[in-house]
């Protein structure tokens, strides 16, 4: 009976070690994916800020053209 219990414990320890190794591997993979996602997020945020700047500049130019056109119509 003691031998059977020891065999069961040995099997459980082996199973736990295998599961731990799998979890460590998954954790490493998830950490890498998270780092990549953070880099992509930072890149997208920078791109968004650049686009917002361009749109702001374009809106300002359009507004200036509208004002010039409006002033031309008033003077005509």
PDB file of N, CA and C in Angstrom:
ATOM      1  N   UNK A   1       0.822  -1.194   0.000  1.00  0.00           N
ATOM      2  CA  UNK A   1       0.000   0.000   0.000  1.00  0.00           C
ATOM      3  C   UNK A   1       0.860   1.251   0.000  1.00  0.00           C
ATOM      4  N   UNK A   2       1.917   1.241   0.767  1.00  0.00           N
ATOM      5  CA  UNK A   2       2.828   2.383   0.801  1.00  0.00           C
ATOM      6  C   UNK A   2       3.476   2.582  -0.562  1.00  0.00           C
ATOM      7  N   UNK A   3       3.811   1.499  -1.205  1.00  0.00           N
ATOM      8  CA  UNK A   3       4.417   1.572  -2.545  1.00  0.00           C
ATOM      9  C   UNK A   3       3.442   2.208  -3.543  1.00  0.00           C
ATOM     10  N   UNK A   4       2.193   1.826  -3.460  1.00  0.00           N
ATOM     11  CA  UNK A   4       1.170   2.390  -4.353  1.00  0.00           C
ATOM     12  C   UNK A   4       1.003   3.888  -4.100  1.00  0.00           C
ATOM     13  N   UNK A   5       0.997   4.278  -2.846  1.00  0.00           N
ATOM     14  CA  UNK A   5       0.875   5.697  -2.509  1.00  0.00           C
ATOM     15  C   UNK A   5       2.072   6.482  -3.018  1.00  0.00           C
ATOM     16  N   UNK A   6       3.259   5.908  -2.868  1.00  0.00           N
ATOM     17  CA  UNK A   6       4.462   6.578  -3.368  1.00  0.00           C
ATOM     18  C   UNK A   6       4.426   6.703  -4.889  1.00  0.00           C
ATOM     19  N   UNK A   7       3.945   5.669  -5.551  1.00  0.00           N
ATOM     20  CA  UNK A   7       3.831   5.724  -7.013  1.00  0.00           C
ATOM     21  C   UNK A   7       2.841   6.802  -7.443  1.00  0.00           C
ATOM     22  N   UNK A   8       1.739   6.910  -6.717  1.00  0.00           N
ATOM     23  CA  UNK A   8       0.739   7.938  -7.031  1.00  0.00           C
ATOM     24  C   UNK A   8       1.321   9.337  -6.821  1.00  0.00           C
ATOM     25  N   UNK A   9       2.027   9.506  -5.722  1.00  0.00           N
ATOM     26  CA  UNK A   9       2.646  10.807  -5.433  1.00  0.00           C
ATOM     27  C   UNK A   9       3.688  11.136  -6.500  1.00  0.00           C
ATOM     28  N   UNK A  10       4.471  10.153  -6.870  1.00  0.00           N
ATOM     29  CA  UNK A  10       5.482  10.359  -7.905  1.00  0.00           C
ATOM     30  C   UNK A  10       4.821  10.771  -9.223  1.00  0.00           C
ATOM     31  N   UNK A  11       3.732  10.120  -9.576  1.00  0.00           N
ATOM     32  CA  UNK A  11       3.017  10.459 -10.807  1.00  0.00           C
ATOM     33  C   UNK A  11       2.428  11.869 -10.713  1.00  0.00           C
ATOM     34  N   UNK A  12       1.862  12.203  -9.569  1.00  0.00           N
ATOM     35  CA  UNK A  12       1.297  13.545  -9.381  1.00  0.00           C
ATOM     36  C   UNK A  12       2.371  14.623  -9.490  1.00  0.00           C
ATOM     37  N   UNK A  13       3.529  14.367  -8.899  1.00  0.00           N
ATOM     38  CA  UNK A  13       4.629  15.333  -8.971  1.00  0.00           C
ATOM     39  C   UNK A  13       5.085  15.489 -10.423  1.00  0.00           C
ATOM     40  N   UNK A  14       5.200  14.378 -11.135  1.00  0.00           N
ATOM     41  CA  UNK A  14       5.581  14.432 -12.552  1.00  0.00           C
ATOM     42  C   UNK A  14       4.567  15.235 -13.359  1.00  0.00           C
ATOM     43  N   UNK A  15       3.275  14.947 -13.109  1.00  0.00           N
ATOM     44  CA  UNK A  15       2.221  15.692 -13.807  1.00  0.00           C
ATOM     45  C   UNK A  15       2.279  17.187 -13.492  1.00  0.00           C
ATOM     46  N   UNK A  16       2.496  17.504 -12.236  1.00  0.00           N
ATOM     47  CA  UNK A  16       2.575  18.911 -11.830  1.00  0.00           C
ATOM     48  C   UNK A  16       3.780  19.609 -12.463  1.00  0.00           C
ATOM     49  N   UNK A  17       4.890  18.921 -12.530  1.00  0.00           N
ATOM     50  CA  UNK A  17       6.075  19.512 -13.157  1.00  0.00           C
ATOM     51  C   UNK A  17       5.848  19.753 -14.646  1.00  0.00           C
ATOM     52  N   UNK A  18       5.179  18.822 -15.305  1.00  0.00           N
ATOM     53  CA  UNK A  18       4.868  19.003 -16.728  1.00  0.00           C
ATOM     54  C   UNK A  18       3.910  20.175 -16.929  1.00  0.00           C
ATOM     55  N   UNK A  19       2.898  20.229 -16.086  1.00  0.00           N
ATOM     56  CA  UNK A  19       1.934  21.332 -16.174  1.00  0.00           C
ATOM     57  C   UNK A  19       2.611  22.669 -15.905  1.00  0.00           C
ATOM     58  N   UNK A  20       3.503  22.697 -14.935  1.00  0.00           N
ATOM     59  CA  UNK A  20       4.245  23.918 -14.637  1.00  0.00           C
ATOM     60  C   UNK A  20       5.083  24.350 -15.832  1.00  0.00           C
ATOM     61  N   UNK A  21       5.733  23.392 -16.473  1.00  0.00           N
ATOM     62  CA  UNK A  21       6.549  23.710 -17.651  1.00  0.00           C
ATOM     63  C   UNK A  21       5.676  24.281 -18.772  1.00  0.00           C
ATOM     64  N   UNK A  22       4.489  23.691 -18.955  1.00  0.00           N
ATOM     65  CA  UNK A  22       3.565  24.209 -19.968  1.00  0.00           C
ATOM     66  C   UNK A  22       3.130  25.633 -19.632  1.00  0.00           C
ATOM     67  N   UNK A  23       2.821  25.870 -18.378  1.00  0.00           N
ATOM     68  CA  UNK A  23       2.372  27.199 -17.965  1.00  0.00           C
ATOM     69  C   UNK A  23       3.483  28.238 -18.097  1.00  0.00           C
ATOM     70  N   UNK A  24       4.696  27.843 -17.790  1.00  0.00           N
ATOM     71  CA  UNK A  24       5.838  28.752 -17.955  1.00  0.00           C
ATOM     72  C   UNK A  24       5.994  29.105 -19.432  1.00  0.00           C
ATOM     73  N   UNK A  25       5.859  28.103 -20.291  1.00  0.00           N
ATOM     74  CA  UNK A  25       5.969  28.335 -21.736  1.00  0.00           C
ATOM     75  C   UNK A  25       4.857  29.254 -22.228  1.00  0.00           C
ATOM     76  N   UNK A  26       3.632  29.008 -21.772  1.00  0.00           N
ATOM     77  CA  UNK A  26       2.509  29.869 -22.153  1.00  0.00           C
ATOM     78  C   UNK A  26       2.706  31.291 -21.641  1.00  0.00           C
ATOM     79  N   UNK A  27       3.184  31.420 -20.421  1.00  0.00           N
ATOM     80  CA  UNK A  27       3.422  32.737 -19.839  1.00  0.00           C
ATOM     81  C   UNK A  27       4.462  33.511 -20.640  1.00  0.00           C
ATOM     82  N   UNK A  28       5.512  32.813 -21.048  1.00  0.00           N
ATOM     83  CA  UNK A  28       6.554  33.451 -21.860  1.00  0.00           C
ATOM     84  C   UNK A  28       5.982  33.924 -23.195  1.00  0.00           C
ATOM     85  N   UNK A  29       5.195  33.063 -23.830  1.00  0.00           N
ATOM     86  CA  UNK A  29       4.591  33.429 -25.113  1.00  0.00           C
ATOM     87  C   UNK A  29       3.640  34.615 -24.944  1.00  0.00           C
ATOM     88  N   UNK A  30       2.839  34.591 -23.891  1.00  0.00           N
ATOM     89  CA  UNK A  30       1.906  35.695 -23.655  1.00  0.00           C
ATOM     90  C   UNK A  30       2.641  36.994 -23.334  1.00  0.00           C
ATOM     91  N   UNK A  31       3.735  36.898 -22.625  1.00  0.00           N
ATOM     92  CA  UNK A  31       4.530  38.092 -22.321  1.00  0.00           C
ATOM     93  C   UNK A  31       5.092  38.698 -23.599  1.00  0.00           C
ATOM     94  N   UNK A  32       5.539  37.849 -24.510  1.00  0.00           N
ATOM     95  CA  UNK A  32       6.051  38.336 -25.795  1.00  0.00           C
ATOM     96  C   UNK A  32       4.936  38.984 -26.614  1.00  0.00           C
ATOM     97  N   UNK A  33       3.772  38.336 -26.628  1.00  0.00           N
ATOM     98  CA  UNK A  33       2.637  38.908 -27.356  1.00  0.00           C
ATOM     99  C   UNK A  33       2.225  40.256 -26.754  1.00  0.00           C
ATOM    100  N   UNK A  34       2.237  40.344 -25.444  1.00  0.00           N
ATOM    101  CA  UNK A  34       1.889  41.599 -24.780  1.00  0.00           C
ATOM    102  C   UNK A  34       2.877  42.699 -25.147  1.00  0.00           C
ATOM    103  N   UNK A  35       4.155  42.367 -25.151  1.00  0.00           N
ATOM    104  CA  UNK A  35       5.172  43.363 -25.520  1.00  0.00           C
ATOM    105  C   UNK A  35       4.955  43.835 -26.958  1.00  0.00           C
ATOM    106  N   UNK A  36       4.647  42.908 -27.860  1.00  0.00           N
ATOM    107  CA  UNK A  36       4.388  43.284 -29.251  1.00  0.00           C
ATOM    108  C   UNK A  36       3.141  44.153 -29.361  1.00  0.00           C
ATOM    109  N   UNK A  37       2.103  43.795 -28.602  1.00  0.00           N
ATOM    110  CA  UNK A  37       0.866  44.575 -28.639  1.00  0.00           C
ATOM    111  C   UNK A  37       1.098  45.989 -28.106  1.00  0.00           C
ATOM    112  N   UNK A  38       1.926  46.112 -27.062  1.00  0.00           N
ATOM    113  CA  UNK A  38       2.239  47.441 -26.517  1.00  0.00           C
ATOM    114  C   UNK A  38       3.003  48.273 -27.540  1.00  0.00           C
ATOM    115  N   UNK A  39       3.957  47.649 -28.234  1.00  0.00           N
ATOM    116  CA  UNK A  39       4.707  48.370 -29.261  1.00  0.00           C
ATOM    117  C   UNK A  39       3.785  48.819 -30.392  1.00  0.00           C
ATOM    118  N   UNK A  40       2.892  47.918 -30.810  1.00  0.00           N
ATOM    119  CA  UNK A  40       1.950  48.266 -31.871  1.00  0.00           C
ATOM    120  C   UNK A  40       1.018  49.384 -31.422  1.00  0.00           C
ATOM    121  N   UNK A  41       0.562  49.321 -30.176  1.00  0.00           N
ATOM    122  CA  UNK A  41      -0.303  50.360 -29.632  1.00  0.00           C
ATOM    123  C   UNK A  41       0.411  51.714 -29.623  1.00  0.00           C
ATOM    124  N   UNK A  42       1.655  51.720 -29.177  1.00  0.00           N
ATOM    125  CA  UNK A  42       2.424  52.967 -29.166  1.00  0.00           C
ATOM    126  C   UNK A  42       2.573  53.523 -30.579  1.00  0.00           C
ATOM    127  N   UNK A  43       2.853  52.634 -31.518  1.00  0.00           N
ATOM    128  CA  UNK A  43       3.013  53.051 -32.912  1.00  0.00           C
ATOM    129  C   UNK A  43       1.708  53.625 -33.466  1.00  0.00           C
ATOM    130  N   UNK A  44       0.598  52.958 -33.157  1.00  0.00           N
ATOM    131  CA  UNK A  44      -0.696  53.439 -33.634  1.00  0.00           C
ATOM    132  C   UNK A  44      -1.069  54.777 -32.999  1.00  0.00           C
ATOM    133  N   UNK A  45      -0.752  54.948 -31.721  1.00  0.00           N
ATOM    134  CA  UNK A  45      -1.047  56.224 -31.073  1.00  0.00           C
ATOM    135  C   UNK A  45      -0.231  57.351 -31.693  1.00  0.00           C
ATOM    136  N   UNK A  46       1.033  57.077 -31.996  1.00  0.00           N
ATOM    137  CA  UNK A  46       1.874  58.086 -32.641  1.00  0.00           C
ATOM    138  C   UNK A  46       1.330  58.423 -34.022  1.00  0.00           C
ATOM    139  N   UNK A  47       0.934  57.397 -34.756  1.00  0.00           N
ATOM    140  CA  UNK A  47       0.363  57.616 -36.081  1.00  0.00           C
ATOM    141  C   UNK A  47      -0.921  58.439 -35.993  1.00  0.00           C
ATOM    142  N   UNK A  48      -1.744  58.141 -34.999  1.00  0.00           N
ATOM    143  CA  UNK A  48      -2.979  58.898 -34.810  1.00  0.00           C
ATOM    144  C   UNK A  48      -2.689  60.363 -34.516  1.00  0.00           C
ATOM    145  N   UNK A  49      -1.712  60.616 -33.664  1.00  0.00           N
ATOM    146  CA  UNK A  49      -1.357  62.005 -33.348  1.00  0.00           C
ATOM    147  C   UNK A  49      -0.866  62.729 -34.600  1.00  0.00           C
ATOM    148  N   UNK A  50      -0.079  62.040 -35.427  1.00  0.00           N
ATOM    149  CA  UNK A  50       0.407  62.651 -36.660  1.00  0.00           C
ATOM    150  C   UNK A  50      -0.753  62.962 -37.598  1.00  0.00           C
ATOM    151  N   UNK A  51      -1.705  62.019 -37.697  1.00  0.00           N
ATOM    152  CA  UNK A  51      -2.871  62.246 -38.551  1.00  0.00           C
ATOM    153  C   UNK A  51      -3.713  63.409 -38.025  1.00  0.00           C
ATOM    154  N   UNK A  52      -3.869  63.496 -36.721  1.00  0.00           N
ATOM    155  CA  UNK A  52      -4.636  64.598 -36.144  1.00  0.00           C
ATOM    156  C   UNK A  52      -3.971  65.934 -36.448  1.00  0.00           C
ATOM    157  N   UNK A  53      -2.637  65.968 -36.389  1.00  0.00           N
ATOM    158  CA  UNK A  53      -1.913  67.197 -36.740  1.00  0.00           C
ATOM    159  C   UNK A  53      -2.163  67.566 -38.190  1.00  0.00           C
ATOM    160  N   UNK A  54      -2.079  66.576 -39.076  1.00  0.00           N
ATOM    161  CA  UNK A  54      -2.302  66.837 -40.506  1.00  0.00           C
ATOM    162  C   UNK A  54      -3.726  67.320 -40.749  1.00  0.00           C
ATOM    163  N   UNK A  55      -4.687  66.672 -40.100  1.00  0.00           N
ATOM    164  CA  UNK A  55      -6.081  67.083 -40.284  1.00  0.00           C
ATOM    165  C   UNK A  55      -6.307  68.484 -39.736  1.00  0.00           C
ATOM    166  N   UNK A  56      -5.673  68.804 -38.620  1.00  0.00           N
ATOM    167  CA  UNK A  56      -5.795  70.150 -38.063  1.00  0.00           C
ATOM    168  C   UNK A  56      -5.223  71.197 -39.006  1.00  0.00           C
ATOM    169  N   UNK A  57      -4.075  70.888 -39.583  1.00  0.00           N
ATOM    170  CA  UNK A  57      -3.451  71.818 -40.530  1.00  0.00           C
ATOM    171  C   UNK A  57      -4.311  71.966 -41.780  1.00  0.00           C
ATOM    172  N   UNK A  58      -4.852  70.862 -42.249  1.00  0.00           N
ATOM    173  CA  UNK A  58      -5.716  70.912 -43.431  1.00  0.00           C
ATOM    174  C   UNK A  58      -6.974  71.711 -43.133  1.00  0.00           C
ATOM    175  N   UNK A  59      -7.567  71.489 -41.977  1.00  0.00           N
ATOM    176  CA  UNK A  59      -8.775  72.239 -41.598  1.00  0.00           C
ATOM    177  C   UNK A  59      -8.479  73.730 -41.518  1.00  0.00           C
ATOM    178  N   UNK A  60      -7.330  74.083 -40.991  1.00  0.00           N
ATOM    179  CA  UNK A  60      -6.952  75.499 -40.895  1.00  0.00           C
ATOM    180  C   UNK A  60      -6.783  76.098 -42.288  1.00  0.00           C
ATOM    181  N   UNK A  61      -6.169  75.348 -43.189  1.00  0.00           N
ATOM    182  CA  UNK A  61      -5.995  75.850 -44.564  1.00  0.00           C
ATOM    183  C   UNK A  61      -7.336  76.024 -45.259  1.00  0.00           C
ATOM    184  N   UNK A  62      -8.222  75.047 -45.074  1.00  0.00           N
ATOM    185  CA  UNK A  62      -9.546  75.140 -45.692  1.00  0.00           C
ATOM    186  C   UNK A  62     -10.300  76.345 -45.130  1.00  0.00           C
ATOM    187  N   UNK A  63     -10.222  76.526 -43.810  1.00  0.00           N
ATOM    188  CA  UNK A  63     -10.893  77.671 -43.191  1.00  0.00           C
ATOM    189  C   UNK A  63     -10.347  78.982 -43.746  1.00  0.00           C
ATOM    190  N   UNK A  64      -9.035  79.051 -43.921  1.00  0.00           N
ATOM    191  CA  UNK A  64      -8.430  80.271 -44.479  1.00  0.00           C
ATOM    192  C   UNK A  64      -8.913  80.503 -45.906  1.00  0.00           C
ATOM    193  N   UNK A  65      -9.024  79.434 -46.695  1.00  0.00           N
ATOM    194  CA  UNK A  65      -9.513  79.575 -48.072  1.00  0.00           C
ATOM    195  C   UNK A  65     -10.974  80.018 -48.095  1.00  0.00           C
ATOM    196  N   UNK A  66     -11.781  79.462 -47.185  1.00  0.00           N
ATOM    197  CA  UNK A  66     -13.188  79.861 -47.106  1.00  0.00           C
ATOM    198  C   UNK A  66     -13.286  81.337 -46.741  1.00  0.00           C
ATOM    199  N   UNK A  67     -12.466  81.766 -45.791  1.00  0.00           N
ATOM    200  CA  UNK A  67     -12.488  83.173 -45.392  1.00  0.00           C
ATOM    201  C   UNK A  67     -12.049  84.073 -46.547  1.00  0.00           C
ATOM    202  N   UNK A  68     -11.024  83.635 -47.289  1.00  0.00           N
ATOM    203  CA  UNK A  68     -10.582  84.427 -48.454  1.00  0.00           C
ATOM    204  C   UNK A  68     -11.670  84.495 -49.497  1.00  0.00           C
ATOM    205  N   UNK A  69     -12.312  83.344 -49.748  1.00  0.00           N
ATOM    206  CA  UNK A  69     -13.379  83.327 -50.736  1.00  0.00           C
ATOM    207  C   UNK A  69     -14.549  84.199 -50.290  1.00  0.00           C
ATOM    208  N   UNK A  70     -14.872  84.140 -49.007  1.00  0.00           N
ATOM    209  CA  UNK A  70     -15.956  84.957 -48.479  1.00  0.00           C
ATOM    210  C   UNK A  70     -15.620  86.443 -48.580  1.00  0.00           C
ATOM    211  N   UNK A  71     -14.381  86.786 -48.291  1.00  0.00           N
ATOM    212  CA  UNK A  71     -13.954  88.179 -48.381  1.00  0.00           C
ATOM    213  C   UNK A  71     -13.992  88.647 -49.831  1.00  0.00           C
ATOM    214  N   UNK A  72     -13.634  87.759 -50.746  1.00  0.00           N
ATOM    215  CA  UNK A  72     -13.690  88.103 -52.196  1.00  0.00           C
ATOM    216  C   UNK A  72     -15.101  88.342 -52.659  1.00  0.00           C
ATOM    217  N   UNK A  73     -16.054  87.586 -52.150  1.00  0.00           N
ATOM    218  CA  UNK A  73     -17.456  87.739 -52.530  1.00  0.00           C
ATOM    219  C   UNK A  73     -18.010  89.035 -51.986  1.00  0.00           C
ATOM    220  N   UNK A  74     -17.625  89.400 -50.733  1.00  0.00           N
ATOM    221  CA  UNK A  74     -18.081  90.627 -50.104  1.00  0.00           C
ATOM    222  C   UNK A  74     -17.533  91.829 -50.859  1.00  0.00           C
ATOM    223  N   UNK A  75     -16.269  91.776 -51.281  1.00  0.00           N
ATOM    224  CA  UNK A  75     -15.638  92.904 -51.975  1.00  0.00           C
ATOM    225  C   UNK A  75     -16.122  93.039 -53.409  1.00  0.00           C
ATOM    226  N   UNK A  76     -16.666  92.001 -53.989  1.00  0.00           N
ATOM    227  CA  UNK A  76     -17.058  92.036 -55.397  1.00  0.00           C
ATOM    228  C   UNK A  76     -18.360  92.707 -55.643  1.00  0.00           C
TER     229      UNK A  76
END
